[in-house]
């Protein structure tokens, strides 16, 4: 079992982009993995429940070449990474590896911070990815109500925002999912960007299980916080000035 390097992970996605094969890119970090393993959660994110645990495990067990799961087991320290800026902590890594071994069914996982890494160290490359692969499509954004939509629209061409609560979004997951599903069906969206935390994994899983597989379902996670200027994570605080080029229009 291993986690692909950042470039390997994007190459895996790019092959599907080039062939116009819609896919899911979903991200399981330490929070999701710990919730799957019985952690009670926390107030500023999500409290756990039997229903949430069940849905996260269902999402983590989907095994399909177009359902790309990114995670952290045996993640390598790559160029420019440092502790607090994407480099894995050896103590945490062993615990994560144990949980993935317990619940997972794959030999390889994509890299959890692929887009985040590019945003900090290679913003021109990320901007090219967004402009070429994402902004040529009809896009929906699903994410926290606290995120500044006008700033996000400077980077992504977004036609519809589906707002989610900043915390405990799973309590409203049925309502949120209904809006997403109706939006895709009625408005023919081609891509959906998710930044709804732990709830993202559940929403992406539900779309897949309902047979809605003709959209690019991309979990951008805290990259949305980074772009919107929400300094709530260590890596964002360390790299807050690195993403300015994302705003520059061609």
C-alpha atoms as a PDB file:
ATOM      1  CA  UNK A   1       0.000   0.000   0.000  1.00  0.00           C
ATOM      2  CA  UNK A   2       1.255   3.464  -0.873  1.00  0.00           C
ATOM      3  CA  UNK A   3       0.225   7.034  -1.588  1.00  0.00           C
ATOM      4  CA  UNK A   4       1.170   8.288  -5.042  1.00  0.00           C
ATOM      5  CA  UNK A   5       3.365  11.360  -5.334  1.00  0.00           C
ATOM      6  CA  UNK A   6       1.721  14.655  -6.237  1.00  0.00           C
ATOM      7  CA  UNK A   7       2.682  14.553  -9.919  1.00  0.00           C
ATOM      8  CA  UNK A   8       1.714  10.892 -10.233  1.00  0.00           C
ATOM      9  CA  UNK A   9      -1.670  11.709  -8.744  1.00  0.00           C
ATOM     10  CA  UNK A  10      -2.364  14.510 -11.175  1.00  0.00           C
ATOM     11  CA  UNK A  11      -1.220  12.380 -14.110  1.00  0.00           C
ATOM     12  CA  UNK A  12      -3.791   9.768 -13.067  1.00  0.00           C
ATOM     13  CA  UNK A  13      -6.492  12.461 -13.202  1.00  0.00           C
ATOM     14  CA  UNK A  14      -5.162  14.053 -16.371  1.00  0.00           C
ATOM     15  CA  UNK A  15      -5.537  10.836 -18.359  1.00  0.00           C
ATOM     16  CA  UNK A  16      -9.238  10.868 -17.548  1.00  0.00           C
ATOM     17  CA  UNK A  17      -9.536  14.584 -18.337  1.00  0.00           C
ATOM     18  CA  UNK A  18      -7.879  14.137 -21.730  1.00  0.00           C
ATOM     19  CA  UNK A  19     -10.224  11.277 -22.655  1.00  0.00           C
ATOM     20  CA  UNK A  20     -13.298  13.191 -21.420  1.00  0.00           C
ATOM     21  CA  UNK A  21     -13.999  10.568 -18.778  1.00  0.00           C
ATOM     22  CA  UNK A  22     -15.770  12.194 -15.812  1.00  0.00           C
ATOM     23  CA  UNK A  23     -14.403  10.957 -12.497  1.00  0.00           C
ATOM     24  CA  UNK A  24     -14.566  11.410  -8.731  1.00  0.00           C
ATOM     25  CA  UNK A  25     -11.572  12.769  -6.811  1.00  0.00           C
ATOM     26  CA  UNK A  26     -12.322  12.429  -3.100  1.00  0.00           C
ATOM     27  CA  UNK A  27      -9.991  12.986  -0.144  1.00  0.00           C
ATOM     28  CA  UNK A  28      -9.788  11.028   3.124  1.00  0.00           C
ATOM     29  CA  UNK A  29      -7.580  12.743   5.674  1.00  0.00           C
ATOM     30  CA  UNK A  30      -6.953  11.967   9.313  1.00  0.00           C
ATOM     31  CA  UNK A  31     -10.336  13.378  10.407  1.00  0.00           C
ATOM     32  CA  UNK A  32     -12.404  11.177   8.112  1.00  0.00           C
ATOM     33  CA  UNK A  33     -10.307   8.120   8.878  1.00  0.00           C
ATOM     34  CA  UNK A  34     -10.570   8.653  12.643  1.00  0.00           C
ATOM     35  CA  UNK A  35     -14.346   9.103  12.416  1.00  0.00           C
ATOM     36  CA  UNK A  36     -14.577   5.820  10.514  1.00  0.00           C
ATOM     37  CA  UNK A  37     -12.686   4.212  13.381  1.00  0.00           C
ATOM     38  CA  UNK A  38     -15.006   5.528  16.086  1.00  0.00           C
ATOM     39  CA  UNK A  39     -13.604   8.951  17.047  1.00  0.00           C
ATOM     40  CA  UNK A  40     -16.383  11.113  18.531  1.00  0.00           C
ATOM     41  CA  UNK A  41     -15.520  14.200  16.423  1.00  0.00           C
ATOM     42  CA  UNK A  42     -15.475  17.837  17.511  1.00  0.00           C
ATOM     43  CA  UNK A  43     -17.730  20.890  17.707  1.00  0.00           C
ATOM     44  CA  UNK A  44     -15.909  22.992  15.121  1.00  0.00           C
ATOM     45  CA  UNK A  45     -16.244  20.325  12.457  1.00  0.00           C
ATOM     46  CA  UNK A  46     -18.428  17.226  12.801  1.00  0.00           C
ATOM     47  CA  UNK A  47     -19.639  15.131  15.685  1.00  0.00           C
ATOM     48  CA  UNK A  48     -19.746  11.451  14.868  1.00  0.00           C
ATOM     49  CA  UNK A  49     -22.817   9.249  14.577  1.00  0.00           C
ATOM     50  CA  UNK A  50     -23.509   5.667  13.468  1.00  0.00           C
ATOM     51  CA  UNK A  51     -25.009   7.025  10.243  1.00  0.00           C
ATOM     52  CA  UNK A  52     -21.961   9.151   9.436  1.00  0.00           C
ATOM     53  CA  UNK A  53     -19.571   6.279  10.171  1.00  0.00           C
ATOM     54  CA  UNK A  54     -21.559   3.997   7.895  1.00  0.00           C
ATOM     55  CA  UNK A  55     -21.587   6.465   5.001  1.00  0.00           C
ATOM     56  CA  UNK A  56     -17.880   7.241   5.297  1.00  0.00           C
ATOM     57  CA  UNK A  57     -17.029   3.530   5.244  1.00  0.00           C
ATOM     58  CA  UNK A  58     -19.260   3.020   2.199  1.00  0.00           C
ATOM     59  CA  UNK A  59     -17.467   5.853   0.401  1.00  0.00           C
ATOM     60  CA  UNK A  60     -14.023   4.536   1.347  1.00  0.00           C
ATOM     61  CA  UNK A  61     -14.839   1.068   0.014  1.00  0.00           C
ATOM     62  CA  UNK A  62     -15.899   2.135  -3.496  1.00  0.00           C
ATOM     63  CA  UNK A  63     -13.370   0.524  -5.808  1.00  0.00           C
ATOM     64  CA  UNK A  64     -13.520   1.814  -9.376  1.00  0.00           C
ATOM     65  CA  UNK A  65     -10.921   3.299 -11.733  1.00  0.00           C
ATOM     66  CA  UNK A  66     -13.026   6.451 -12.038  1.00  0.00           C
ATOM     67  CA  UNK A  67     -13.534   6.832  -8.284  1.00  0.00           C
ATOM     68  CA  UNK A  68     -10.169   8.203  -7.231  1.00  0.00           C
ATOM     69  CA  UNK A  69      -9.590   8.130  -3.490  1.00  0.00           C
ATOM     70  CA  UNK A  70      -6.797  10.279  -2.112  1.00  0.00           C
ATOM     71  CA  UNK A  71      -5.408   9.633   1.351  1.00  0.00           C
ATOM     72  CA  UNK A  72      -2.265   9.664   3.476  1.00  0.00           C
ATOM     73  CA  UNK A  73      -0.830   6.170   4.122  1.00  0.00           C
ATOM     74  CA  UNK A  74       2.949   6.061   3.595  1.00  0.00           C
ATOM     75  CA  UNK A  75       2.880   9.522   2.020  1.00  0.00           C
ATOM     76  CA  UNK A  76       6.389  10.644   1.055  1.00  0.00           C
ATOM     77  CA  UNK A  77       8.001  13.964   1.922  1.00  0.00           C
ATOM     78  CA  UNK A  78       8.433  15.714  -1.419  1.00  0.00           C
ATOM     79  CA  UNK A  79      10.438  18.730  -2.551  1.00  0.00           C
ATOM     80  CA  UNK A  80       9.745  21.935  -0.581  1.00  0.00           C
ATOM     81  CA  UNK A  81       7.511  20.242   2.015  1.00  0.00           C
ATOM     82  CA  UNK A  82       8.156  20.886   5.703  1.00  0.00           C
ATOM     83  CA  UNK A  83       6.403  20.090   8.970  1.00  0.00           C
ATOM     84  CA  UNK A  84       3.259  22.184   9.018  1.00  0.00           C
ATOM     85  CA  UNK A  85       3.464  22.595   5.252  1.00  0.00           C
ATOM     86  CA  UNK A  86       2.275  19.207   3.947  1.00  0.00           C
ATOM     87  CA  UNK A  87       5.097  17.019   5.292  1.00  0.00           C
ATOM     88  CA  UNK A  88       3.622  13.963   7.079  1.00  0.00           C
ATOM     89  CA  UNK A  89       4.233  13.566  10.798  1.00  0.00           C
ATOM     90  CA  UNK A  90       5.806  10.113  11.399  1.00  0.00           C
ATOM     91  CA  UNK A  91       3.763   9.523  14.576  1.00  0.00           C
ATOM     92  CA  UNK A  92       0.453  10.351  12.897  1.00  0.00           C
ATOM     93  CA  UNK A  93       1.424   8.419   9.767  1.00  0.00           C
ATOM     94  CA  UNK A  94       1.555   5.078  11.605  1.00  0.00           C
ATOM     95  CA  UNK A  95      -1.919   5.595  13.096  1.00  0.00           C
ATOM     96  CA  UNK A  96      -3.320   6.571   9.688  1.00  0.00           C
ATOM     97  CA  UNK A  97      -1.718   3.559   8.041  1.00  0.00           C
ATOM     98  CA  UNK A  98      -3.298   1.247  10.616  1.00  0.00           C
ATOM     99  CA  UNK A  99      -6.796   2.649   9.977  1.00  0.00           C
ATOM    100  CA  UNK A 100      -6.403   2.447   6.194  1.00  0.00           C
ATOM    101  CA  UNK A 101      -5.238  -1.156   6.514  1.00  0.00           C
ATOM    102  CA  UNK A 102      -8.252  -1.901   8.695  1.00  0.00           C
ATOM    103  CA  UNK A 103     -10.916  -0.467   6.375  1.00  0.00           C
ATOM    104  CA  UNK A 104      -9.357  -0.007   2.934  1.00  0.00           C
ATOM    105  CA  UNK A 105      -9.399  -2.270  -0.098  1.00  0.00           C
ATOM    106  CA  UNK A 106      -6.813  -0.608  -2.362  1.00  0.00           C
ATOM    107  CA  UNK A 107      -3.075  -0.893  -2.895  1.00  0.00           C
ATOM    108  CA  UNK A 108      -2.674   2.728  -4.021  1.00  0.00           C
ATOM    109  CA  UNK A 109      -4.199   6.042  -3.028  1.00  0.00           C
ATOM    110  CA  UNK A 110      -3.832   9.356  -4.788  1.00  0.00           C
ATOM    111  CA  UNK A 111      -2.129  12.164  -2.936  1.00  0.00           C
ATOM    112  CA  UNK A 112      -4.349  14.026  -0.496  1.00  0.00           C
ATOM    113  CA  UNK A 113      -2.739  17.426  -1.121  1.00  0.00           C
ATOM    114  CA  UNK A 114      -2.248  17.380  -4.911  1.00  0.00           C
ATOM    115  CA  UNK A 115      -4.019  20.664  -5.698  1.00  0.00           C
ATOM    116  CA  UNK A 116      -2.952  22.240  -2.403  1.00  0.00           C
ATOM    117  CA  UNK A 117       0.716  21.518  -3.121  1.00  0.00           C
ATOM    118  CA  UNK A 118       0.486  23.136  -6.549  1.00  0.00           C
ATOM    119  CA  UNK A 119      -1.322  26.171  -5.087  1.00  0.00           C
ATOM    120  CA  UNK A 120       1.597  26.894  -2.745  1.00  0.00           C
ATOM    121  CA  UNK A 121       4.661  25.910  -4.743  1.00  0.00           C
ATOM    122  CA  UNK A 122       3.516  25.999  -8.373  1.00  0.00           C
ATOM    123  CA  UNK A 123       0.568  28.428  -8.583  1.00  0.00           C
ATOM    124  CA  UNK A 124       1.069  28.931 -12.348  1.00  0.00           C
ATOM    125  CA  UNK A 125       0.635  25.200 -12.872  1.00  0.00           C
ATOM    126  CA  UNK A 126      -2.513  25.117 -10.758  1.00  0.00           C
ATOM    127  CA  UNK A 127      -3.934  28.120 -12.593  1.00  0.00           C
ATOM    128  CA  UNK A 128      -3.327  26.373 -15.923  1.00  0.00           C
ATOM    129  CA  UNK A 129      -5.059  23.238 -14.608  1.00  0.00           C
ATOM    130  CA  UNK A 130      -8.058  25.263 -13.434  1.00  0.00           C
ATOM    131  CA  UNK A 131      -8.335  27.302 -16.626  1.00  0.00           C
ATOM    132  CA  UNK A 132      -7.814  24.411 -19.032  1.00  0.00           C
ATOM    133  CA  UNK A 133      -9.626  21.541 -17.349  1.00  0.00           C
ATOM    134  CA  UNK A 134     -12.128  23.189 -14.986  1.00  0.00           C
ATOM    135  CA  UNK A 135     -13.126  26.580 -16.332  1.00  0.00           C
ATOM    136  CA  UNK A 136     -13.942  25.239 -19.781  1.00  0.00           C
ATOM    137  CA  UNK A 137     -16.909  23.478 -18.167  1.00  0.00           C
ATOM    138  CA  UNK A 138     -20.198  24.427 -16.518  1.00  0.00           C
ATOM    139  CA  UNK A 139     -19.418  24.391 -12.807  1.00  0.00           C
ATOM    140  CA  UNK A 140     -21.207  24.118  -9.475  1.00  0.00           C
ATOM    141  CA  UNK A 141     -19.586  24.806  -6.107  1.00  0.00           C
ATOM    142  CA  UNK A 142     -20.651  23.094  -2.869  1.00  0.00           C
ATOM    143  CA  UNK A 143     -19.108  24.536   0.262  1.00  0.00           C
ATOM    144  CA  UNK A 144     -19.221  26.453   3.503  1.00  0.00           C
ATOM    145  CA  UNK A 145     -21.477  29.464   3.784  1.00  0.00           C
ATOM    146  CA  UNK A 146     -18.531  31.415   5.254  1.00  0.00           C
ATOM    147  CA  UNK A 147     -16.522  31.259   2.016  1.00  0.00           C
ATOM    148  CA  UNK A 148     -16.501  34.462  -0.029  1.00  0.00           C
ATOM    149  CA  UNK A 149     -18.166  33.576  -3.320  1.00  0.00           C
ATOM    150  CA  UNK A 150     -16.892  36.683  -5.133  1.00  0.00           C
ATOM    151  CA  UNK A 151     -13.291  35.724  -4.409  1.00  0.00           C
ATOM    152  CA  UNK A 152     -13.906  32.113  -5.443  1.00  0.00           C
ATOM    153  CA  UNK A 153     -15.452  33.309  -8.721  1.00  0.00           C
ATOM    154  CA  UNK A 154     -12.210  35.117  -9.542  1.00  0.00           C
ATOM    155  CA  UNK A 155     -10.539  31.723  -9.797  1.00  0.00           C
ATOM    156  CA  UNK A 156     -13.306  29.311 -10.782  1.00  0.00           C
ATOM    157  CA  UNK A 157     -16.070  29.943 -13.313  1.00  0.00           C
ATOM    158  CA  UNK A 158     -18.973  29.033 -11.022  1.00  0.00           C
ATOM    159  CA  UNK A 159     -22.615  29.307 -12.084  1.00  0.00           C
ATOM    160  CA  UNK A 160     -24.300  27.880  -8.982  1.00  0.00           C
ATOM    161  CA  UNK A 161     -23.305  27.906  -5.319  1.00  0.00           C
ATOM    162  CA  UNK A 162     -24.829  25.333  -2.969  1.00  0.00           C
ATOM    163  CA  UNK A 163     -24.063  26.609   0.515  1.00  0.00           C
ATOM    164  CA  UNK A 164     -23.364  24.283   3.434  1.00  0.00           C
ATOM    165  CA  UNK A 165     -23.117  25.115   7.160  1.00  0.00           C
ATOM    166  CA  UNK A 166     -19.606  25.957   8.319  1.00  0.00           C
ATOM    167  CA  UNK A 167     -19.893  23.234  10.988  1.00  0.00           C
ATOM    168  CA  UNK A 168     -21.974  20.069  11.449  1.00  0.00           C
ATOM    169  CA  UNK A 169     -23.054  20.040   7.793  1.00  0.00           C
ATOM    170  CA  UNK A 170     -23.989  16.349   8.000  1.00  0.00           C
ATOM    171  CA  UNK A 171     -27.111  17.307   9.956  1.00  0.00           C
ATOM    172  CA  UNK A 172     -28.448  18.852   6.735  1.00  0.00           C
ATOM    173  CA  UNK A 173     -26.928  16.367   4.305  1.00  0.00           C
ATOM    174  CA  UNK A 174     -30.266  15.236   2.840  1.00  0.00           C
ATOM    175  CA  UNK A 175     -31.299  18.811   2.042  1.00  0.00           C
ATOM    176  CA  UNK A 176     -27.875  19.647   0.602  1.00  0.00           C
ATOM    177  CA  UNK A 177     -27.782  16.508  -1.504  1.00  0.00           C
ATOM    178  CA  UNK A 178     -31.220  17.215  -2.953  1.00  0.00           C
ATOM    179  CA  UNK A 179     -30.071  20.676  -4.114  1.00  0.00           C
ATOM    180  CA  UNK A 180     -26.950  19.222  -5.727  1.00  0.00           C
ATOM    181  CA  UNK A 181     -28.786  16.416  -7.476  1.00  0.00           C
ATOM    182  CA  UNK A 182     -31.530  18.702  -8.811  1.00  0.00           C
ATOM    183  CA  UNK A 183     -28.915  21.240  -9.915  1.00  0.00           C
ATOM    184  CA  UNK A 184     -26.971  18.656 -11.921  1.00  0.00           C
ATOM    185  CA  UNK A 185     -30.055  17.164 -13.539  1.00  0.00           C
ATOM    186  CA  UNK A 186     -31.894  20.429 -14.278  1.00  0.00           C
ATOM    187  CA  UNK A 187     -28.959  22.628 -15.247  1.00  0.00           C
ATOM    188  CA  UNK A 188     -26.637  20.107 -16.915  1.00  0.00           C
ATOM    189  CA  UNK A 189     -23.589  20.926 -14.811  1.00  0.00           C
ATOM    190  CA  UNK A 190     -20.376  19.237 -15.953  1.00  0.00           C
ATOM    191  CA  UNK A 191     -18.250  19.733 -12.823  1.00  0.00           C
ATOM    192  CA  UNK A 192     -18.958  19.999  -9.112  1.00  0.00           C
ATOM    193  CA  UNK A 193     -16.321  21.371  -6.746  1.00  0.00           C
ATOM    194  CA  UNK A 194     -16.745  20.271  -3.133  1.00  0.00           C
ATOM    195  CA  UNK A 195     -15.418  22.083  -0.073  1.00  0.00           C
ATOM    196  CA  UNK A 196     -17.855  20.818   2.552  1.00  0.00           C
ATOM    197  CA  UNK A 197     -15.406  19.035   4.827  1.00  0.00           C
ATOM    198  CA  UNK A 198     -16.314  15.559   5.981  1.00  0.00           C
ATOM    199  CA  UNK A 199     -19.749  15.923   4.417  1.00  0.00           C
ATOM    200  CA  UNK A 200     -18.084  16.088   0.983  1.00  0.00           C
ATOM    201  CA  UNK A 201     -17.248  12.366   1.061  1.00  0.00           C
ATOM    202  CA  UNK A 202     -20.874  11.484   1.769  1.00  0.00           C
ATOM    203  CA  UNK A 203     -22.242  13.747  -0.975  1.00  0.00           C
ATOM    204  CA  UNK A 204     -19.812  12.416  -3.570  1.00  0.00           C
ATOM    205  CA  UNK A 205     -20.632   8.843  -2.576  1.00  0.00           C
ATOM    206  CA  UNK A 206     -24.364   9.452  -2.866  1.00  0.00           C
ATOM    207  CA  UNK A 207     -24.030  10.904  -6.372  1.00  0.00           C
ATOM    208  CA  UNK A 208     -21.995   7.874  -7.441  1.00  0.00           C
ATOM    209  CA  UNK A 209     -24.385   5.351  -5.900  1.00  0.00           C
ATOM    210  CA  UNK A 210     -27.348   7.124  -7.507  1.00  0.00           C
ATOM    211  CA  UNK A 211     -25.743   6.644 -10.911  1.00  0.00           C
ATOM    212  CA  UNK A 212     -24.939  10.329 -11.467  1.00  0.00           C
ATOM    213  CA  UNK A 213     -21.524   9.744 -12.990  1.00  0.00           C
ATOM    214  CA  UNK A 214     -21.474  12.151 -15.925  1.00  0.00           C
ATOM    215  CA  UNK A 215     -19.922  15.004 -13.899  1.00  0.00           C
ATOM    216  CA  UNK A 216     -16.399  15.692 -12.671  1.00  0.00           C
ATOM    217  CA  UNK A 217     -16.752  15.485  -8.883  1.00  0.00           C
ATOM    218  CA  UNK A 218     -13.702  17.194  -7.382  1.00  0.00           C
ATOM    219  CA  UNK A 219     -12.955  17.525  -3.653  1.00  0.00           C
ATOM    220  CA  UNK A 220     -10.862  20.710  -3.344  1.00  0.00           C
ATOM    221  CA  UNK A 221     -11.183  20.823   0.448  1.00  0.00           C
ATOM    222  CA  UNK A 222      -9.207  23.512   2.251  1.00  0.00           C
ATOM    223  CA  UNK A 223      -7.918  24.850  -1.080  1.00  0.00           C
ATOM    224  CA  UNK A 224     -11.179  26.835  -1.078  1.00  0.00           C
ATOM    225  CA  UNK A 225     -10.245  28.289   2.334  1.00  0.00           C
ATOM    226  CA  UNK A 226      -6.818  29.198   0.961  1.00  0.00           C
ATOM    227  CA  UNK A 227      -8.264  30.968  -2.087  1.00  0.00           C
ATOM    228  CA  UNK A 228     -10.933  32.757  -0.039  1.00  0.00           C
ATOM    229  CA  UNK A 229      -8.393  33.998   2.500  1.00  0.00           C
ATOM    230  CA  UNK A 230      -9.600  31.907   5.439  1.00  0.00           C
ATOM    231  CA  UNK A 231      -6.472  31.494   7.579  1.00  0.00           C
ATOM    232  CA  UNK A 232      -7.732  28.546   9.568  1.00  0.00           C
ATOM    233  CA  UNK A 233      -5.064  25.936   8.841  1.00  0.00           C
ATOM    234  CA  UNK A 234      -1.354  25.814   9.567  1.00  0.00           C
ATOM    235  CA  UNK A 235      -0.358  25.340   5.931  1.00  0.00           C
ATOM    236  CA  UNK A 236      -2.433  28.349   4.878  1.00  0.00           C
ATOM    237  CA  UNK A 237      -0.819  30.557   7.503  1.00  0.00           C
ATOM    238  CA  UNK A 238       2.622  29.440   6.340  1.00  0.00           C
ATOM    239  CA  UNK A 239       1.873  30.038   2.660  1.00  0.00           C
ATOM    240  CA  UNK A 240      -0.723  32.802   2.593  1.00  0.00           C
ATOM    241  CA  UNK A 241       1.138  34.947   0.043  1.00  0.00           C
ATOM    242  CA  UNK A 242       1.873  32.195  -2.455  1.00  0.00           C
ATOM    243  CA  UNK A 243      -1.428  32.013  -4.282  1.00  0.00           C
ATOM    244  CA  UNK A 244      -1.716  35.548  -5.639  1.00  0.00           C
ATOM    245  CA  UNK A 245      -1.191  34.417  -9.230  1.00  0.00           C
ATOM    246  CA  UNK A 246      -4.417  32.450  -9.127  1.00  0.00           C
ATOM    247  CA  UNK A 247      -6.282  35.748  -9.275  1.00  0.00           C
ATOM    248  CA  UNK A 248      -4.577  37.015 -12.402  1.00  0.00           C
ATOM    249  CA  UNK A 249      -6.828  36.683 -15.431  1.00  0.00           C
ATOM    250  CA  UNK A 250      -5.288  35.723 -18.742  1.00  0.00           C
END
